[in-house]
Amino acid sequence: MILTGRSAWWLREDMTEFHPGSIPIVLLAAILSLMSTTLPAGETTHTLAPCPASPNCVSSQATDAQHFTEPLRYTGEATLAWNRLKSALGTESRLSIVEDTGSYLYAEARSLVLRFVDDVEFVLDPEVDVIQVRSASRTGYSDFGVNRRRVERIRKVFSEQP
């Protein structure tokens, strides 16, 4: 692409060096891009994001009864339990796995009619033989128990597998 005249606001007329006033903006852009590539909460810490005050979230790491649900418990090898989890997720309609690192799994579930998206996360915690779980609606206030029922269906399929 050939640029004529003054091509970009951040370059001087001769296009060989930055305009001094553009340095803070470039630094801010660099910082924001680094922030957007940070790892999800469970990636390294075995913790999930806390539930909001609204009742449309359940988490095995919640400290209040309204949001708390049990983690998925397993015996045996962690990798086998992780494969059982993925198999159980395959039985959920309208749920797709977006990211799986082997110890953190992020999936999105869509509602049937209005196509609302719920975020579903799992973190493998092999030190205590559990898989931590969180399921939360992205929008709205109440989910009428949808996230809790989803986690319980996944738990049932997970626990019934050999």
C-alpha atoms as a PDB file:
ATOM      1  CA  MET A   1       0.000   0.000   0.000  1.00  0.00           C
ATOM      2  CA  ILE A   2       1.403   3.382  -0.983  1.00  0.00           C
ATOM      3  CA  LEU A   3       0.671   6.202   1.414  1.00  0.00           C
ATOM      4  CA  THR A   4       0.587   9.765   0.240  1.00  0.00           C
ATOM      5  CA  GLY A   5       0.977  12.876   2.317  1.00  0.00           C
ATOM      6  CA  ARG A   6       0.943  12.437   6.052  1.00  0.00           C
ATOM      7  CA  SER A   7       0.026   8.766   6.396  1.00  0.00           C
ATOM      8  CA  ALA A   8      -0.541   8.240  10.075  1.00  0.00           C
ATOM      9  CA  TRP A   9      -1.120  10.582  12.989  1.00  0.00           C
ATOM     10  CA  TRP A  10       1.496   8.846  15.136  1.00  0.00           C
ATOM     11  CA  LEU A  11       4.351   9.365  12.660  1.00  0.00           C
ATOM     12  CA  ARG A  12       6.172  12.581  11.945  1.00  0.00           C
ATOM     13  CA  GLU A  13       6.066  14.101   8.474  1.00  0.00           C
ATOM     14  CA  ASP A  14       9.160  12.221   7.318  1.00  0.00           C
ATOM     15  CA  MET A  15       7.707   8.929   8.708  1.00  0.00           C
ATOM     16  CA  THR A  16      10.971   7.954  10.383  1.00  0.00           C
ATOM     17  CA  GLU A  17      10.082   8.432  14.048  1.00  0.00           C
ATOM     18  CA  PHE A  18       7.122   8.550  16.400  1.00  0.00           C
ATOM     19  CA  HIS A  19       5.352  11.753  17.205  1.00  0.00           C
ATOM     20  CA  PRO A  20       6.220  12.426  20.881  1.00  0.00           C
ATOM     21  CA  GLY A  21       2.573  12.837  21.862  1.00  0.00           C
ATOM     22  CA  SER A  22       1.705   9.359  20.622  1.00  0.00           C
ATOM     23  CA  ILE A  23       3.907   7.453  23.086  1.00  0.00           C
ATOM     24  CA  PRO A  24       1.316   7.326  25.932  1.00  0.00           C
ATOM     25  CA  ILE A  25      -1.330   6.081  23.521  1.00  0.00           C
ATOM     26  CA  VAL A  26       0.946   3.360  22.154  1.00  0.00           C
ATOM     27  CA  LEU A  27       1.857   2.278  25.700  1.00  0.00           C
ATOM     28  CA  LEU A  28      -1.810   2.162  26.696  1.00  0.00           C
ATOM     29  CA  ALA A  29      -2.605   0.018  23.651  1.00  0.00           C
ATOM     30  CA  ALA A  30       0.223  -2.370  24.532  1.00  0.00           C
ATOM     31  CA  ILE A  31      -0.965  -2.691  28.145  1.00  0.00           C
ATOM     32  CA  LEU A  32      -4.552  -3.329  27.066  1.00  0.00           C
ATOM     33  CA  SER A  33      -3.472  -6.012  24.619  1.00  0.00           C
ATOM     34  CA  LEU A  34      -1.518  -7.766  27.373  1.00  0.00           C
ATOM     35  CA  MET A  35      -4.524  -7.610  29.686  1.00  0.00           C
ATOM     36  CA  SER A  36      -6.749  -9.242  27.085  1.00  0.00           C
ATOM     37  CA  THR A  37      -4.443 -12.236  26.805  1.00  0.00           C
ATOM     38  CA  THR A  38      -4.293 -13.090  30.492  1.00  0.00           C
ATOM     39  CA  LEU A  39      -5.154 -16.644  31.430  1.00  0.00           C
ATOM     40  CA  PRO A  40      -8.621 -17.508  32.706  1.00  0.00           C
ATOM     41  CA  ALA A  41      -8.957 -17.612  36.489  1.00  0.00           C
ATOM     42  CA  GLY A  42      -8.729 -21.380  36.754  1.00  0.00           C
ATOM     43  CA  GLU A  43      -5.822 -21.822  34.389  1.00  0.00           C
ATOM     44  CA  THR A  44      -3.121 -21.792  37.034  1.00  0.00           C
ATOM     45  CA  THR A  45      -4.776 -21.294  40.393  1.00  0.00           C
ATOM     46  CA  HIS A  46      -7.453 -24.000  40.735  1.00  0.00           C
ATOM     47  CA  THR A  47      -9.912 -21.164  41.400  1.00  0.00           C
ATOM     48  CA  LEU A  48     -12.864 -19.927  39.419  1.00  0.00           C
ATOM     49  CA  ALA A  49     -14.268 -16.421  39.220  1.00  0.00           C
ATOM     50  CA  PRO A  50     -16.727 -15.686  42.007  1.00  0.00           C
ATOM     51  CA  CYS A  51     -20.451 -15.652  41.268  1.00  0.00           C
ATOM     52  CA  PRO A  52     -22.135 -12.258  41.060  1.00  0.00           C
ATOM     53  CA  ALA A  53     -24.841 -11.325  43.565  1.00  0.00           C
ATOM     54  CA  SER A  54     -27.552 -12.340  41.071  1.00  0.00           C
ATOM     55  CA  PRO A  55     -28.986 -15.871  41.367  1.00  0.00           C
ATOM     56  CA  ASN A  56     -27.998 -16.915  37.821  1.00  0.00           C
ATOM     57  CA  CYS A  57     -24.725 -18.618  38.763  1.00  0.00           C
ATOM     58  CA  VAL A  58     -23.578 -21.731  40.609  1.00  0.00           C
ATOM     59  CA  SER A  59     -20.036 -22.596  41.623  1.00  0.00           C
ATOM     60  CA  SER A  60     -18.330 -25.271  43.657  1.00  0.00           C
ATOM     61  CA  GLN A  61     -16.137 -22.539  45.096  1.00  0.00           C
ATOM     62  CA  ALA A  62     -18.970 -20.240  46.179  1.00  0.00           C
ATOM     63  CA  THR A  63     -19.119 -19.506  49.874  1.00  0.00           C
ATOM     64  CA  ASP A  64     -22.873 -18.883  50.101  1.00  0.00           C
ATOM     65  CA  ALA A  65     -25.656 -21.470  49.908  1.00  0.00           C
ATOM     66  CA  GLN A  66     -27.505 -19.727  47.063  1.00  0.00           C
ATOM     67  CA  HIS A  67     -24.606 -20.169  44.641  1.00  0.00           C
ATOM     68  CA  PHE A  68     -22.851 -23.255  46.006  1.00  0.00           C
ATOM     69  CA  THR A  69     -22.865 -26.601  44.249  1.00  0.00           C
ATOM     70  CA  GLU A  70     -20.638 -29.594  44.995  1.00  0.00           C
ATOM     71  CA  PRO A  71     -17.565 -30.160  42.813  1.00  0.00           C
ATOM     72  CA  LEU A  72     -17.385 -33.275  40.671  1.00  0.00           C
ATOM     73  CA  ARG A  73     -15.612 -35.935  42.742  1.00  0.00           C
ATOM     74  CA  TYR A  74     -13.620 -38.768  41.229  1.00  0.00           C
ATOM     75  CA  THR A  75     -11.329 -41.595  42.184  1.00  0.00           C
ATOM     76  CA  GLY A  76      -8.439 -42.864  40.139  1.00  0.00           C
ATOM     77  CA  GLU A  77      -6.413 -41.008  37.551  1.00  0.00           C
ATOM     78  CA  ALA A  78      -7.112 -37.347  36.938  1.00  0.00           C
ATOM     79  CA  THR A  79      -6.711 -37.694  33.160  1.00  0.00           C
ATOM     80  CA  LEU A  80      -9.390 -40.393  33.074  1.00  0.00           C
ATOM     81  CA  ALA A  81     -11.717 -38.177  35.111  1.00  0.00           C
ATOM     82  CA  TRP A  82     -11.065 -35.301  32.714  1.00  0.00           C
ATOM     83  CA  ASN A  83     -11.992 -37.526  29.766  1.00  0.00           C
ATOM     84  CA  ARG A  84     -15.164 -38.595  31.610  1.00  0.00           C
ATOM     85  CA  LEU A  85     -16.029 -34.924  32.055  1.00  0.00           C
ATOM     86  CA  LYS A  86     -15.649 -34.233  28.336  1.00  0.00           C
ATOM     87  CA  SER A  87     -17.771 -37.262  27.575  1.00  0.00           C
ATOM     88  CA  ALA A  88     -20.463 -36.021  29.977  1.00  0.00           C
ATOM     89  CA  LEU A  89     -20.385 -32.587  28.354  1.00  0.00           C
ATOM     90  CA  GLY A  90     -21.006 -34.249  25.000  1.00  0.00           C
ATOM     91  CA  THR A  91     -24.451 -35.292  26.222  1.00  0.00           C
ATOM     92  CA  GLU A  92     -25.514 -31.678  26.764  1.00  0.00           C
ATOM     93  CA  SER A  93     -27.372 -30.195  23.822  1.00  0.00           C
ATOM     94  CA  ARG A  94     -26.349 -26.722  22.694  1.00  0.00           C
ATOM     95  CA  LEU A  95     -23.090 -26.845  24.684  1.00  0.00           C
ATOM     96  CA  SER A  96     -19.769 -26.460  22.902  1.00  0.00           C
ATOM     97  CA  ILE A  97     -16.269 -26.655  24.315  1.00  0.00           C
ATOM     98  CA  VAL A  98     -14.345 -23.504  23.489  1.00  0.00           C
ATOM     99  CA  GLU A  99     -11.079 -24.180  25.332  1.00  0.00           C
ATOM    100  CA  ASP A 100      -9.524 -27.239  26.938  1.00  0.00           C
ATOM    101  CA  THR A 101      -6.005 -27.139  28.368  1.00  0.00           C
ATOM    102  CA  GLY A 102      -6.171 -30.470  30.162  1.00  0.00           C
ATOM    103  CA  SER A 103      -6.706 -28.833  33.544  1.00  0.00           C
ATOM    104  CA  TYR A 104      -9.075 -26.000  32.619  1.00  0.00           C
ATOM    105  CA  LEU A 105     -12.118 -26.311  30.380  1.00  0.00           C
ATOM    106  CA  TYR A 106     -14.345 -23.499  29.161  1.00  0.00           C
ATOM    107  CA  ALA A 107     -17.607 -24.169  27.345  1.00  0.00           C
ATOM    108  CA  GLU A 108     -20.547 -22.105  26.168  1.00  0.00           C
ATOM    109  CA  ALA A 109     -24.153 -23.221  26.476  1.00  0.00           C
ATOM    110  CA  ARG A 110     -26.914 -21.537  24.472  1.00  0.00           C
ATOM    111  CA  SER A 111     -30.566 -21.356  25.411  1.00  0.00           C
ATOM    112  CA  LEU A 112     -32.994 -22.966  22.997  1.00  0.00           C
ATOM    113  CA  VAL A 113     -35.266 -20.078  22.086  1.00  0.00           C
ATOM    114  CA  LEU A 114     -33.508 -16.763  22.697  1.00  0.00           C
ATOM    115  CA  ARG A 115     -29.960 -18.148  22.274  1.00  0.00           C
ATOM    116  CA  PHE A 116     -28.653 -16.600  25.516  1.00  0.00           C
ATOM    117  CA  VAL A 117     -25.092 -17.714  26.304  1.00  0.00           C
ATOM    118  CA  ASP A 118     -24.056 -19.245  29.624  1.00  0.00           C
ATOM    119  CA  ASP A 119     -20.397 -19.696  30.543  1.00  0.00           C
ATOM    120  CA  VAL A 120     -19.502 -23.126  31.920  1.00  0.00           C
ATOM    121  CA  GLU A 121     -16.048 -23.687  33.432  1.00  0.00           C
ATOM    122  CA  PHE A 122     -14.222 -26.602  35.019  1.00  0.00           C
ATOM    123  CA  VAL A 123     -10.882 -26.725  36.799  1.00  0.00           C
ATOM    124  CA  LEU A 124      -9.125 -29.977  37.575  1.00  0.00           C
ATOM    125  CA  ASP A 125      -7.871 -30.096  41.167  1.00  0.00           C
ATOM    126  CA  PRO A 126      -5.952 -33.402  41.356  1.00  0.00           C
ATOM    127  CA  GLU A 127      -4.615 -32.702  44.850  1.00  0.00           C
ATOM    128  CA  VAL A 128      -8.082 -33.370  46.295  1.00  0.00           C
ATOM    129  CA  ASP A 129      -9.531 -35.524  43.469  1.00  0.00           C
ATOM    130  CA  VAL A 130     -12.220 -33.054  42.390  1.00  0.00           C
ATOM    131  CA  ILE A 131     -13.152 -31.022  39.355  1.00  0.00           C
ATOM    132  CA  GLN A 132     -14.304 -27.551  40.341  1.00  0.00           C
ATOM    133  CA  VAL A 133     -17.290 -26.255  38.373  1.00  0.00           C
ATOM    134  CA  ARG A 134     -18.911 -22.910  37.625  1.00  0.00           C
ATOM    135  CA  SER A 135     -21.897 -22.216  35.402  1.00  0.00           C
ATOM    136  CA  ALA A 136     -23.186 -18.667  34.980  1.00  0.00           C
ATOM    137  CA  SER A 137     -25.504 -16.688  32.753  1.00  0.00           C
ATOM    138  CA  ARG A 138     -23.895 -13.800  30.922  1.00  0.00           C
ATOM    139  CA  THR A 139     -27.038 -11.699  30.895  1.00  0.00           C
ATOM    140  CA  GLY A 140     -30.136 -11.183  32.974  1.00  0.00           C
ATOM    141  CA  TYR A 141     -30.781 -11.563  36.668  1.00  0.00           C
ATOM    142  CA  SER A 142     -32.491 -14.893  37.216  1.00  0.00           C
ATOM    143  CA  ASP A 143     -31.960 -18.030  35.207  1.00  0.00           C
ATOM    144  CA  PHE A 144     -34.843 -19.928  36.853  1.00  0.00           C
ATOM    145  CA  GLY A 145     -32.389 -22.608  37.989  1.00  0.00           C
ATOM    146  CA  VAL A 146     -31.039 -23.438  34.523  1.00  0.00           C
ATOM    147  CA  ASN A 147     -27.358 -23.364  35.512  1.00  0.00           C
ATOM    148  CA  ARG A 148     -27.900 -25.532  38.602  1.00  0.00           C
ATOM    149  CA  ARG A 149     -29.904 -28.094  36.633  1.00  0.00           C
ATOM    150  CA  ARG A 150     -27.205 -28.174  33.926  1.00  0.00           C
ATOM    151  CA  VAL A 151     -24.476 -28.879  36.485  1.00  0.00           C
ATOM    152  CA  GLU A 152     -26.595 -31.601  38.109  1.00  0.00           C
ATOM    153  CA  ARG A 153     -27.197 -33.289  34.727  1.00  0.00           C
ATOM    154  CA  ILE A 154     -23.465 -33.199  33.999  1.00  0.00           C
ATOM    155  CA  ARG A 155     -22.739 -34.563  37.491  1.00  0.00           C
ATOM    156  CA  LYS A 156     -25.200 -37.432  36.997  1.00  0.00           C
ATOM    157  CA  VAL A 157     -23.701 -38.490  33.641  1.00  0.00           C
ATOM    158  CA  PHE A 158     -20.157 -38.018  34.996  1.00  0.00           C
ATOM    159  CA  SER A 159     -20.817 -40.189  38.050  1.00  0.00           C
ATOM    160  CA  GLU A 160     -22.557 -42.953  36.050  1.00  0.00           C
ATOM    161  CA  GLN A 161     -19.572 -43.458  33.741  1.00  0.00           C
ATOM    162  CA  PRO A 162     -17.038 -46.170  34.630  1.00  0.00           C
END
